C-alpha atoms as a PDB file:
ATOM      1  CA  UNK A   1      61.696 -58.239  86.309  1.00  0.00           C
ATOM      2  CA  UNK A   2      57.922 -58.430  86.838  1.00  0.00           C
ATOM      3  CA  UNK A   3      56.245 -56.154  89.380  1.00  0.00           C
ATOM      4  CA  UNK A   4      52.575 -55.176  89.521  1.00  0.00           C
ATOM      5  CA  UNK A   5      52.675 -51.407  89.019  1.00  0.00           C
ATOM      6  CA  UNK A   6      49.544 -51.027  91.148  1.00  0.00           C
ATOM      7  CA  UNK A   7      51.583 -52.115  94.164  1.00  0.00           C
ATOM      8  CA  UNK A   8      54.101 -49.356  93.426  1.00  0.00           C
ATOM      9  CA  UNK A   9      51.603 -46.502  93.085  1.00  0.00           C
ATOM     10  CA  UNK A  10      51.414 -45.707  96.847  1.00  0.00           C
ATOM     11  CA  UNK A  11      55.217 -45.600  96.969  1.00  0.00           C
ATOM     12  CA  UNK A  12      55.328 -43.297  93.942  1.00  0.00           C
ATOM     13  CA  UNK A  13      52.742 -41.011  95.525  1.00  0.00           C
ATOM     14  CA  UNK A  14      54.740 -40.784  98.740  1.00  0.00           C
ATOM     15  CA  UNK A  15      57.846 -39.905  96.739  1.00  0.00           C
ATOM     16  CA  UNK A  16      55.963 -37.168  94.890  1.00  0.00           C
ATOM     17  CA  UNK A  17      54.538 -35.824  98.166  1.00  0.00           C
ATOM     18  CA  UNK A  18      58.108 -35.363  99.406  1.00  0.00           C
ATOM     19  CA  UNK A  19      58.952 -33.522  96.207  1.00  0.00           C
ATOM     20  CA  UNK A  20      55.851 -31.341  96.251  1.00  0.00           C
ATOM     21  CA  UNK A  21      56.462 -30.222  99.818  1.00  0.00           C
ATOM     22  CA  UNK A  22      59.962 -29.045  98.923  1.00  0.00           C
ATOM     23  CA  UNK A  23      58.690 -27.137  95.888  1.00  0.00           C
ATOM     24  CA  UNK A  24      55.967 -25.417  97.917  1.00  0.00           C
ATOM     25  CA  UNK A  25      58.127 -24.456 100.877  1.00  0.00           C
ATOM     26  CA  UNK A  26      61.568 -23.654  99.472  1.00  0.00           C
ATOM     27  CA  UNK A  27      62.729 -20.645  97.485  1.00  0.00           C
ATOM     28  CA  UNK A  28      64.464 -21.506  94.206  1.00  0.00           C
ATOM     29  CA  UNK A  29      67.890 -20.646  95.645  1.00  0.00           C
ATOM     30  CA  UNK A  30      71.084 -20.531  93.613  1.00  0.00           C
ATOM     31  CA  UNK A  31      70.812 -21.175  89.890  1.00  0.00           C
ATOM     32  CA  UNK A  32      73.159 -23.513  88.026  1.00  0.00           C
ATOM     33  CA  UNK A  33      73.553 -22.934  84.303  1.00  0.00           C
ATOM     34  CA  UNK A  34      73.153 -26.106  82.223  1.00  0.00           C
ATOM     35  CA  UNK A  35      73.533 -24.474  78.838  1.00  0.00           C
ATOM     36  CA  UNK A  36      72.223 -21.591  76.779  1.00  0.00           C
ATOM     37  CA  UNK A  37      69.110 -20.328  78.626  1.00  0.00           C
ATOM     38  CA  UNK A  38      68.814 -23.648  80.444  1.00  0.00           C
ATOM     39  CA  UNK A  39      69.179 -23.873  84.188  1.00  0.00           C
ATOM     40  CA  UNK A  40      68.499 -25.790  87.393  1.00  0.00           C
ATOM     41  CA  UNK A  41      67.756 -24.327  90.808  1.00  0.00           C
ATOM     42  CA  UNK A  42      68.718 -25.542  94.264  1.00  0.00           C
ATOM     43  CA  UNK A  43      65.185 -26.873  94.555  1.00  0.00           C
ATOM     44  CA  UNK A  44      65.600 -29.016  91.423  1.00  0.00           C
ATOM     45  CA  UNK A  45      68.592 -30.716  93.013  1.00  0.00           C
ATOM     46  CA  UNK A  46      67.013 -30.946  96.478  1.00  0.00           C
ATOM     47  CA  UNK A  47      63.914 -32.652  95.074  1.00  0.00           C
ATOM     48  CA  UNK A  48      65.942 -35.091  92.988  1.00  0.00           C
ATOM     49  CA  UNK A  49      68.175 -36.011  95.940  1.00  0.00           C
ATOM     50  CA  UNK A  50      65.214 -36.553  98.263  1.00  0.00           C
ATOM     51  CA  UNK A  51      63.205 -38.653  95.804  1.00  0.00           C
ATOM     52  CA  UNK A  52      66.242 -40.661  94.731  1.00  0.00           C
ATOM     53  CA  UNK A  53      67.072 -41.504  98.358  1.00  0.00           C
ATOM     54  CA  UNK A  54      63.469 -42.451  99.147  1.00  0.00           C
ATOM     55  CA  UNK A  55      63.040 -44.701  96.112  1.00  0.00           C
ATOM     56  CA  UNK A  56      66.463 -46.304  96.596  1.00  0.00           C
ATOM     57  CA  UNK A  57      65.344 -47.296 100.071  1.00  0.00           C
ATOM     58  CA  UNK A  58      61.828 -48.382  99.129  1.00  0.00           C
ATOM     59  CA  UNK A  59      62.506 -50.028  95.751  1.00  0.00           C
ATOM     60  CA  UNK A  60      66.212 -50.928  95.544  1.00  0.00           C
ATOM     61  CA  UNK A  61      65.513 -53.406  92.742  1.00  0.00           C
ATOM     62  CA  UNK A  62      64.282 -50.661  90.368  1.00  0.00           C
ATOM     63  CA  UNK A  63      66.605 -48.339  88.465  1.00  0.00           C
ATOM     64  CA  UNK A  64      66.441 -44.551  88.740  1.00  0.00           C
ATOM     65  CA  UNK A  65      66.982 -41.811  86.153  1.00  0.00           C
ATOM     66  CA  UNK A  66      66.749 -38.142  87.121  1.00  0.00           C
ATOM     67  CA  UNK A  67      66.902 -35.134  84.835  1.00  0.00           C
ATOM     68  CA  UNK A  68      69.590 -33.330  86.797  1.00  0.00           C
ATOM     69  CA  UNK A  69      72.050 -36.072  87.767  1.00  0.00           C
ATOM     70  CA  UNK A  70      71.299 -38.898  85.385  1.00  0.00           C
ATOM     71  CA  UNK A  71      71.076 -42.577  86.271  1.00  0.00           C
ATOM     72  CA  UNK A  72      72.222 -43.763  89.669  1.00  0.00           C
ATOM     73  CA  UNK A  73      70.949 -47.308  89.368  1.00  0.00           C
ATOM     74  CA  UNK A  74      70.333 -49.352  86.260  1.00  0.00           C
ATOM     75  CA  UNK A  75      67.859 -52.180  85.830  1.00  0.00           C
ATOM     76  CA  UNK A  76      67.220 -54.788  83.154  1.00  0.00           C
ATOM     77  CA  UNK A  77      63.562 -53.818  82.904  1.00  0.00           C
ATOM     78  CA  UNK A  78      62.129 -51.260  85.318  1.00  0.00           C
ATOM     79  CA  UNK A  79      63.288 -47.671  85.735  1.00  0.00           C
ATOM     80  CA  UNK A  80      61.919 -44.753  87.723  1.00  0.00           C
ATOM     81  CA  UNK A  81      62.361 -41.483  85.841  1.00  0.00           C
ATOM     82  CA  UNK A  82      61.964 -38.095  87.517  1.00  0.00           C
ATOM     83  CA  UNK A  83      61.689 -34.487  86.472  1.00  0.00           C
ATOM     84  CA  UNK A  84      62.095 -32.821  89.879  1.00  0.00           C
ATOM     85  CA  UNK A  85      60.715 -29.448  88.778  1.00  0.00           C
ATOM     86  CA  UNK A  86      59.126 -29.594  85.349  1.00  0.00           C
ATOM     87  CA  UNK A  87      58.903 -25.956  84.321  1.00  0.00           C
ATOM     88  CA  UNK A  88      62.014 -24.682  86.096  1.00  0.00           C
ATOM     89  CA  UNK A  89      61.998 -21.344  84.249  1.00  0.00           C
ATOM     90  CA  UNK A  90      58.402 -20.769  85.377  1.00  0.00           C
ATOM     91  CA  UNK A  91      59.240 -21.745  88.960  1.00  0.00           C
ATOM     92  CA  UNK A  92      62.259 -19.437  89.001  1.00  0.00           C
ATOM     93  CA  UNK A  93      60.083 -16.507  87.890  1.00  0.00           C
ATOM     94  CA  UNK A  94      57.344 -17.200  90.431  1.00  0.00           C
ATOM     95  CA  UNK A  95      54.904 -18.632  87.899  1.00  0.00           C
ATOM     96  CA  UNK A  96      52.787 -21.514  89.248  1.00  0.00           C
ATOM     97  CA  UNK A  97      52.975 -23.438  85.950  1.00  0.00           C
ATOM     98  CA  UNK A  98      55.311 -26.166  87.171  1.00  0.00           C
ATOM     99  CA  UNK A  99      55.222 -29.544  88.859  1.00  0.00           C
ATOM    100  CA  UNK A 100      56.954 -32.797  89.678  1.00  0.00           C
ATOM    101  CA  UNK A 101      56.730 -35.725  87.267  1.00  0.00           C
ATOM    102  CA  UNK A 102      57.563 -39.312  88.272  1.00  0.00           C
ATOM    103  CA  UNK A 103      57.125 -42.184  85.851  1.00  0.00           C
ATOM    104  CA  UNK A 104      57.896 -45.885  85.849  1.00  0.00           C
ATOM    105  CA  UNK A 105      59.246 -47.290  82.580  1.00  0.00           C
ATOM    106  CA  UNK A 106      59.079 -51.002  81.793  1.00  0.00           C
ATOM    107  CA  UNK A 107      61.067 -52.017  78.710  1.00  0.00           C
ATOM    108  CA  UNK A 108      60.750 -48.643  76.972  1.00  0.00           C
ATOM    109  CA  UNK A 109      57.061 -48.096  77.800  1.00  0.00           C
ATOM    110  CA  UNK A 110      55.635 -46.157  80.775  1.00  0.00           C
ATOM    111  CA  UNK A 111      53.381 -48.193  83.056  1.00  0.00           C
ATOM    112  CA  UNK A 112      52.822 -45.808  85.986  1.00  0.00           C
ATOM    113  CA  UNK A 113      52.770 -42.052  86.346  1.00  0.00           C
ATOM    114  CA  UNK A 114      52.302 -39.447  89.059  1.00  0.00           C
ATOM    115  CA  UNK A 115      52.273 -35.724  88.278  1.00  0.00           C
ATOM    116  CA  UNK A 116      51.769 -33.203  91.062  1.00  0.00           C
ATOM    117  CA  UNK A 117      51.053 -29.531  90.352  1.00  0.00           C
ATOM    118  CA  UNK A 118      51.681 -28.155  93.839  1.00  0.00           C
ATOM    119  CA  UNK A 119      50.482 -24.605  93.250  1.00  0.00           C
ATOM    120  CA  UNK A 120      47.183 -25.876  91.825  1.00  0.00           C
ATOM    121  CA  UNK A 121      46.633 -28.580  94.468  1.00  0.00           C
ATOM    122  CA  UNK A 122      46.259 -31.096  91.649  1.00  0.00           C
ATOM    123  CA  UNK A 123      47.675 -34.595  91.524  1.00  0.00           C
ATOM    124  CA  UNK A 124      47.322 -36.834  88.498  1.00  0.00           C
ATOM    125  CA  UNK A 125      47.925 -40.576  88.704  1.00  0.00           C
ATOM    126  CA  UNK A 126      47.654 -43.577  86.423  1.00  0.00           C
ATOM    127  CA  UNK A 127      48.643 -47.220  86.272  1.00  0.00           C
ATOM    128  CA  UNK A 128      48.472 -49.183  83.048  1.00  0.00           C
ATOM    129  CA  UNK A 129      45.049 -50.757  82.657  1.00  0.00           C
ATOM    130  CA  UNK A 130      43.503 -48.963  85.630  1.00  0.00           C
ATOM    131  CA  UNK A 131      42.465 -45.570  84.227  1.00  0.00           C
ATOM    132  CA  UNK A 132      43.639 -42.092  85.211  1.00  0.00           C
ATOM    133  CA  UNK A 133      42.666 -39.917  88.158  1.00  0.00           C
ATOM    134  CA  UNK A 134      42.939 -36.309  89.300  1.00  0.00           C
ATOM    135  CA  UNK A 135      42.871 -36.009  93.083  1.00  0.00           C
ATOM    136  CA  UNK A 136      41.339 -39.486  93.167  1.00  0.00           C
ATOM    137  CA  UNK A 137      38.523 -38.836  90.691  1.00  0.00           C
ATOM    138  CA  UNK A 138      38.356 -40.450  87.256  1.00  0.00           C
ATOM    139  CA  UNK A 139      39.329 -38.204  84.338  1.00  0.00           C
ATOM    140  CA  UNK A 140      38.821 -38.493  80.611  1.00  0.00           C
ATOM    141  CA  UNK A 141      40.256 -36.825  77.538  1.00  0.00           C
ATOM    142  CA  UNK A 142      38.037 -34.343  75.686  1.00  0.00           C
ATOM    143  CA  UNK A 143      35.836 -35.520  72.810  1.00  0.00           C
ATOM    144  CA  UNK A 144      37.088 -32.776  70.467  1.00  0.00           C
ATOM    145  CA  UNK A 145      36.640 -33.762  66.813  1.00  0.00           C
ATOM    146  CA  UNK A 146      37.611 -30.642  64.903  1.00  0.00           C
ATOM    147  CA  UNK A 147      40.776 -28.558  65.049  1.00  0.00           C
ATOM    148  CA  UNK A 148      38.716 -25.396  64.688  1.00  0.00           C
ATOM    149  CA  UNK A 149      37.267 -25.907  68.171  1.00  0.00           C
ATOM    150  CA  UNK A 150      40.451 -27.269  69.762  1.00  0.00           C
ATOM    151  CA  UNK A 151      42.886 -25.723  72.210  1.00  0.00           C
ATOM    152  CA  UNK A 152      46.333 -27.108  71.428  1.00  0.00           C
ATOM    153  CA  UNK A 153      49.372 -26.724  73.671  1.00  0.00           C
ATOM    154  CA  UNK A 154      52.842 -26.746  72.169  1.00  0.00           C
ATOM    155  CA  UNK A 155      56.174 -27.398  73.835  1.00  0.00           C
ATOM    156  CA  UNK A 156      58.790 -24.737  74.441  1.00  0.00           C
ATOM    157  CA  UNK A 157      60.872 -23.499  71.563  1.00  0.00           C
ATOM    158  CA  UNK A 158      64.386 -24.919  71.504  1.00  0.00           C
ATOM    159  CA  UNK A 159      67.314 -23.272  73.259  1.00  0.00           C
ATOM    160  CA  UNK A 160      70.985 -24.182  73.246  1.00  0.00           C
ATOM    161  CA  UNK A 161      73.016 -25.714  70.453  1.00  0.00           C
ATOM    162  CA  UNK A 162      71.482 -25.447  66.977  1.00  0.00           C
ATOM    163  CA  UNK A 163      68.356 -23.814  68.442  1.00  0.00           C
ATOM    164  CA  UNK A 164      67.748 -21.635  65.394  1.00  0.00           C
ATOM    165  CA  UNK A 165      67.688 -24.622  63.065  1.00  0.00           C
ATOM    166  CA  UNK A 166      65.519 -26.719  65.382  1.00  0.00           C
ATOM    167  CA  UNK A 167      63.067 -23.856  65.805  1.00  0.00           C
ATOM    168  CA  UNK A 168      62.425 -23.590  62.071  1.00  0.00           C
ATOM    169  CA  UNK A 169      60.022 -26.537  62.287  1.00  0.00           C
ATOM    170  CA  UNK A 170      58.524 -25.334  65.567  1.00  0.00           C
ATOM    171  CA  UNK A 171      57.804 -21.897  64.126  1.00  0.00           C
ATOM    172  CA  UNK A 172      56.389 -23.382  60.930  1.00  0.00           C
ATOM    173  CA  UNK A 173      54.164 -25.641  63.027  1.00  0.00           C
ATOM    174  CA  UNK A 174      52.985 -22.681  65.095  1.00  0.00           C
ATOM    175  CA  UNK A 175      52.005 -20.915  61.882  1.00  0.00           C
ATOM    176  CA  UNK A 176      50.097 -23.980  60.622  1.00  0.00           C
ATOM    177  CA  UNK A 177      48.275 -24.334  63.925  1.00  0.00           C
ATOM    178  CA  UNK A 178      47.448 -20.623  64.150  1.00  0.00           C
ATOM    179  CA  UNK A 179      45.558 -20.901  60.868  1.00  0.00           C
ATOM    180  CA  UNK A 180      43.534 -23.931  61.965  1.00  0.00           C
ATOM    181  CA  UNK A 181      42.964 -24.322  65.703  1.00  0.00           C
ATOM    182  CA  UNK A 182      40.822 -22.306  68.080  1.00  0.00           C
ATOM    183  CA  UNK A 183      43.737 -21.338  70.333  1.00  0.00           C
ATOM    184  CA  UNK A 184      47.418 -22.195  70.875  1.00  0.00           C
ATOM    185  CA  UNK A 185      48.873 -22.366  74.372  1.00  0.00           C
ATOM    186  CA  UNK A 186      52.467 -22.687  75.637  1.00  0.00           C
ATOM    187  CA  UNK A 187      52.515 -23.495  79.356  1.00  0.00           C
ATOM    188  CA  UNK A 188      56.217 -24.341  79.589  1.00  0.00           C
ATOM    189  CA  UNK A 189      55.752 -27.675  81.362  1.00  0.00           C
ATOM    190  CA  UNK A 190      55.527 -31.000  79.544  1.00  0.00           C
ATOM    191  CA  UNK A 191      53.985 -32.653  82.594  1.00  0.00           C
ATOM    192  CA  UNK A 192      51.272 -30.026  82.798  1.00  0.00           C
ATOM    193  CA  UNK A 193      50.585 -30.232  79.066  1.00  0.00           C
ATOM    194  CA  UNK A 194      50.067 -34.002  79.146  1.00  0.00           C
ATOM    195  CA  UNK A 195      48.104 -34.001  82.393  1.00  0.00           C
ATOM    196  CA  UNK A 196      45.755 -31.344  81.072  1.00  0.00           C
ATOM    197  CA  UNK A 197      45.183 -33.309  77.870  1.00  0.00           C
ATOM    198  CA  UNK A 198      44.223 -36.237  80.097  1.00  0.00           C
ATOM    199  CA  UNK A 199      41.914 -34.017  82.139  1.00  0.00           C
ATOM    200  CA  UNK A 200      40.192 -32.539  79.078  1.00  0.00           C
ATOM    201  CA  UNK A 201      41.339 -29.013  79.911  1.00  0.00           C
ATOM    202  CA  UNK A 202      43.100 -28.830  76.551  1.00  0.00           C
ATOM    203  CA  UNK A 203      42.421 -30.986  73.507  1.00  0.00           C
ATOM    204  CA  UNK A 204      45.931 -31.770  72.305  1.00  0.00           C
ATOM    205  CA  UNK A 205      49.594 -31.282  73.020  1.00  0.00           C
ATOM    206  CA  UNK A 206      52.525 -31.307  70.603  1.00  0.00           C
ATOM    207  CA  UNK A 207      56.124 -31.559  71.798  1.00  0.00           C
ATOM    208  CA  UNK A 208      58.868 -32.002  69.224  1.00  0.00           C
ATOM    209  CA  UNK A 209      60.986 -33.731  71.866  1.00  0.00           C
ATOM    210  CA  UNK A 210      60.778 -36.769  74.123  1.00  0.00           C
ATOM    211  CA  UNK A 211      63.000 -36.857  77.191  1.00  0.00           C
ATOM    212  CA  UNK A 212      61.808 -39.713  79.437  1.00  0.00           C
ATOM    213  CA  UNK A 213      61.760 -37.560  82.579  1.00  0.00           C
ATOM    214  CA  UNK A 214      59.533 -35.060  80.745  1.00  0.00           C
ATOM    215  CA  UNK A 215      57.082 -37.485  79.193  1.00  0.00           C
ATOM    216  CA  UNK A 216      56.927 -40.903  80.901  1.00  0.00           C
ATOM    217  CA  UNK A 217      54.416 -40.001  83.617  1.00  0.00           C
ATOM    218  CA  UNK A 218      52.304 -37.775  81.391  1.00  0.00           C
ATOM    219  CA  UNK A 219      52.113 -40.282  78.545  1.00  0.00           C
ATOM    220  CA  UNK A 220      50.672 -43.080  80.700  1.00  0.00           C
ATOM    221  CA  UNK A 221      48.260 -40.650  82.392  1.00  0.00           C
ATOM    222  CA  UNK A 222      47.069 -39.345  79.014  1.00  0.00           C
ATOM    223  CA  UNK A 223      46.713 -42.835  77.568  1.00  0.00           C
ATOM    224  CA  UNK A 224      44.772 -44.120  80.556  1.00  0.00           C
ATOM    225  CA  UNK A 225      42.420 -41.131  80.220  1.00  0.00           C
ATOM    226  CA  UNK A 226      41.678 -42.118  76.614  1.00  0.00           C
ATOM    227  CA  UNK A 227      44.114 -39.944  74.694  1.00  0.00           C
ATOM    228  CA  UNK A 228      46.002 -41.223  71.686  1.00  0.00           C
ATOM    229  CA  UNK A 229      49.756 -40.659  72.039  1.00  0.00           C
ATOM    230  CA  UNK A 230      51.963 -40.962  68.948  1.00  0.00           C
ATOM    231  CA  UNK A 231      55.320 -40.090  67.420  1.00  0.00           C
ATOM    232  CA  UNK A 232      55.876 -37.633  64.540  1.00  0.00           C
ATOM    233  CA  UNK A 233      54.650 -40.063  61.892  1.00  0.00           C
ATOM    234  CA  UNK A 234      51.608 -41.262  63.812  1.00  0.00           C
ATOM    235  CA  UNK A 235      53.252 -44.481  65.033  1.00  0.00           C
ATOM    236  CA  UNK A 236      52.868 -45.606  68.624  1.00  0.00           C
ATOM    237  CA  UNK A 237      54.774 -43.485  71.093  1.00  0.00           C
ATOM    238  CA  UNK A 238      57.526 -44.986  73.230  1.00  0.00           C
ATOM    239  CA  UNK A 239      60.421 -43.588  75.227  1.00  0.00           C
ATOM    240  CA  UNK A 240      62.572 -43.696  72.066  1.00  0.00           C
ATOM    241  CA  UNK A 241      60.106 -41.677  69.967  1.00  0.00           C
ATOM    242  CA  UNK A 242      61.320 -38.432  68.402  1.00  0.00           C
ATOM    243  CA  UNK A 243      58.319 -36.370  69.503  1.00  0.00           C
ATOM    244  CA  UNK A 244      55.258 -36.558  71.734  1.00  0.00           C
ATOM    245  CA  UNK A 245      51.811 -35.857  70.321  1.00  0.00           C
ATOM    246  CA  UNK A 246      48.907 -36.501  72.697  1.00  0.00           C
ATOM    247  CA  UNK A 247      45.342 -35.679  71.761  1.00  0.00           C
ATOM    248  CA  UNK A 248      41.700 -36.520  71.676  1.00  0.00           C
ATOM    249  CA  UNK A 249      41.694 -39.527  69.301  1.00  0.00           C
ATOM    250  CA  UNK A 250      39.761 -37.856  66.481  1.00  0.00           C
ATOM    251  CA  UNK A 251      42.293 -35.008  66.240  1.00  0.00           C
ATOM    252  CA  UNK A 252      45.412 -37.119  65.832  1.00  0.00           C
ATOM    253  CA  UNK A 253      45.338 -37.672  62.071  1.00  0.00           C
ATOM    254  CA  UNK A 254      44.872 -33.954  61.362  1.00  0.00           C
ATOM    255  CA  UNK A 255      47.676 -33.020  63.781  1.00  0.00           C
ATOM    256  CA  UNK A 256      50.097 -35.505  62.219  1.00  0.00           C
ATOM    257  CA  UNK A 257      49.235 -34.061  58.802  1.00  0.00           C
ATOM    258  CA  UNK A 258      49.915 -30.520  60.017  1.00  0.00           C
ATOM    259  CA  UNK A 259      53.244 -31.566  61.519  1.00  0.00           C
ATOM    260  CA  UNK A 260      54.222 -33.244  58.245  1.00  0.00           C
ATOM    261  CA  UNK A 261      53.343 -30.071  56.325  1.00  0.00           C
ATOM    262  CA  UNK A 262      55.376 -27.938  58.729  1.00  0.00           C
ATOM    263  CA  UNK A 263      58.400 -30.219  58.414  1.00  0.00           C
ATOM    264  CA  UNK A 264      58.195 -30.295  54.621  1.00  0.00           C
ATOM    265  CA  UNK A 265      57.955 -26.502  54.444  1.00  0.00           C
ATOM    266  CA  UNK A 266      61.351 -26.143  56.126  1.00  0.00           C
ATOM    267  CA  UNK A 267      63.228 -28.639  53.933  1.00  0.00           C
END
């Protein structure tokens, strides 16, 4: 299937506007446990239902994958992927560090992304080949060249099954970064991390995970803003990558080296 993603951007923005309004106006409501220290609120489900219904009506030829209820429509090439509330734990505790993330994947690569941070009145958008914007204005990744002057965000530590084992590398990486970078930040939202790399607010982001609903929108936004986005070994990032490293281009090699050192130290 071939569709010009630029034609779909207004539809994606309308879908995200529906989501953002729900997040801003509804209390979290009842909480559903999804696993050890993992949860979804009524708002998570309400947003996913509303966006799924809207996109099914507007783009019935495109598949849809949501974090909370999985795939409702499959497609040979194109797939919408949604994180209805990225940063649910933050949202549940009244922290504004959360947002909605809607990406369009074409054959394992994101081609369109919209991230809305409703409590910051910030919307990030990008279409492949057309640059990235924040509230309609062009954005660009930072020109950071040295880890010693860089602010680096890291993804949440693991919870759930085998969390202790998975966190060995994350903790080792935190230690490596603490010795080298200017500051480490953990915002608790993959969408926010990637959008703020794109906007130059932080210089790099490292997530040792890669769920498509978490990363699709942010990866295309970061790339279109000039960031380099790679997997653990420095190879090109795709939706099947094991991790998501997005950074100012001149920082990537040093970050990959640090990640390799952290992994080797836990073997």
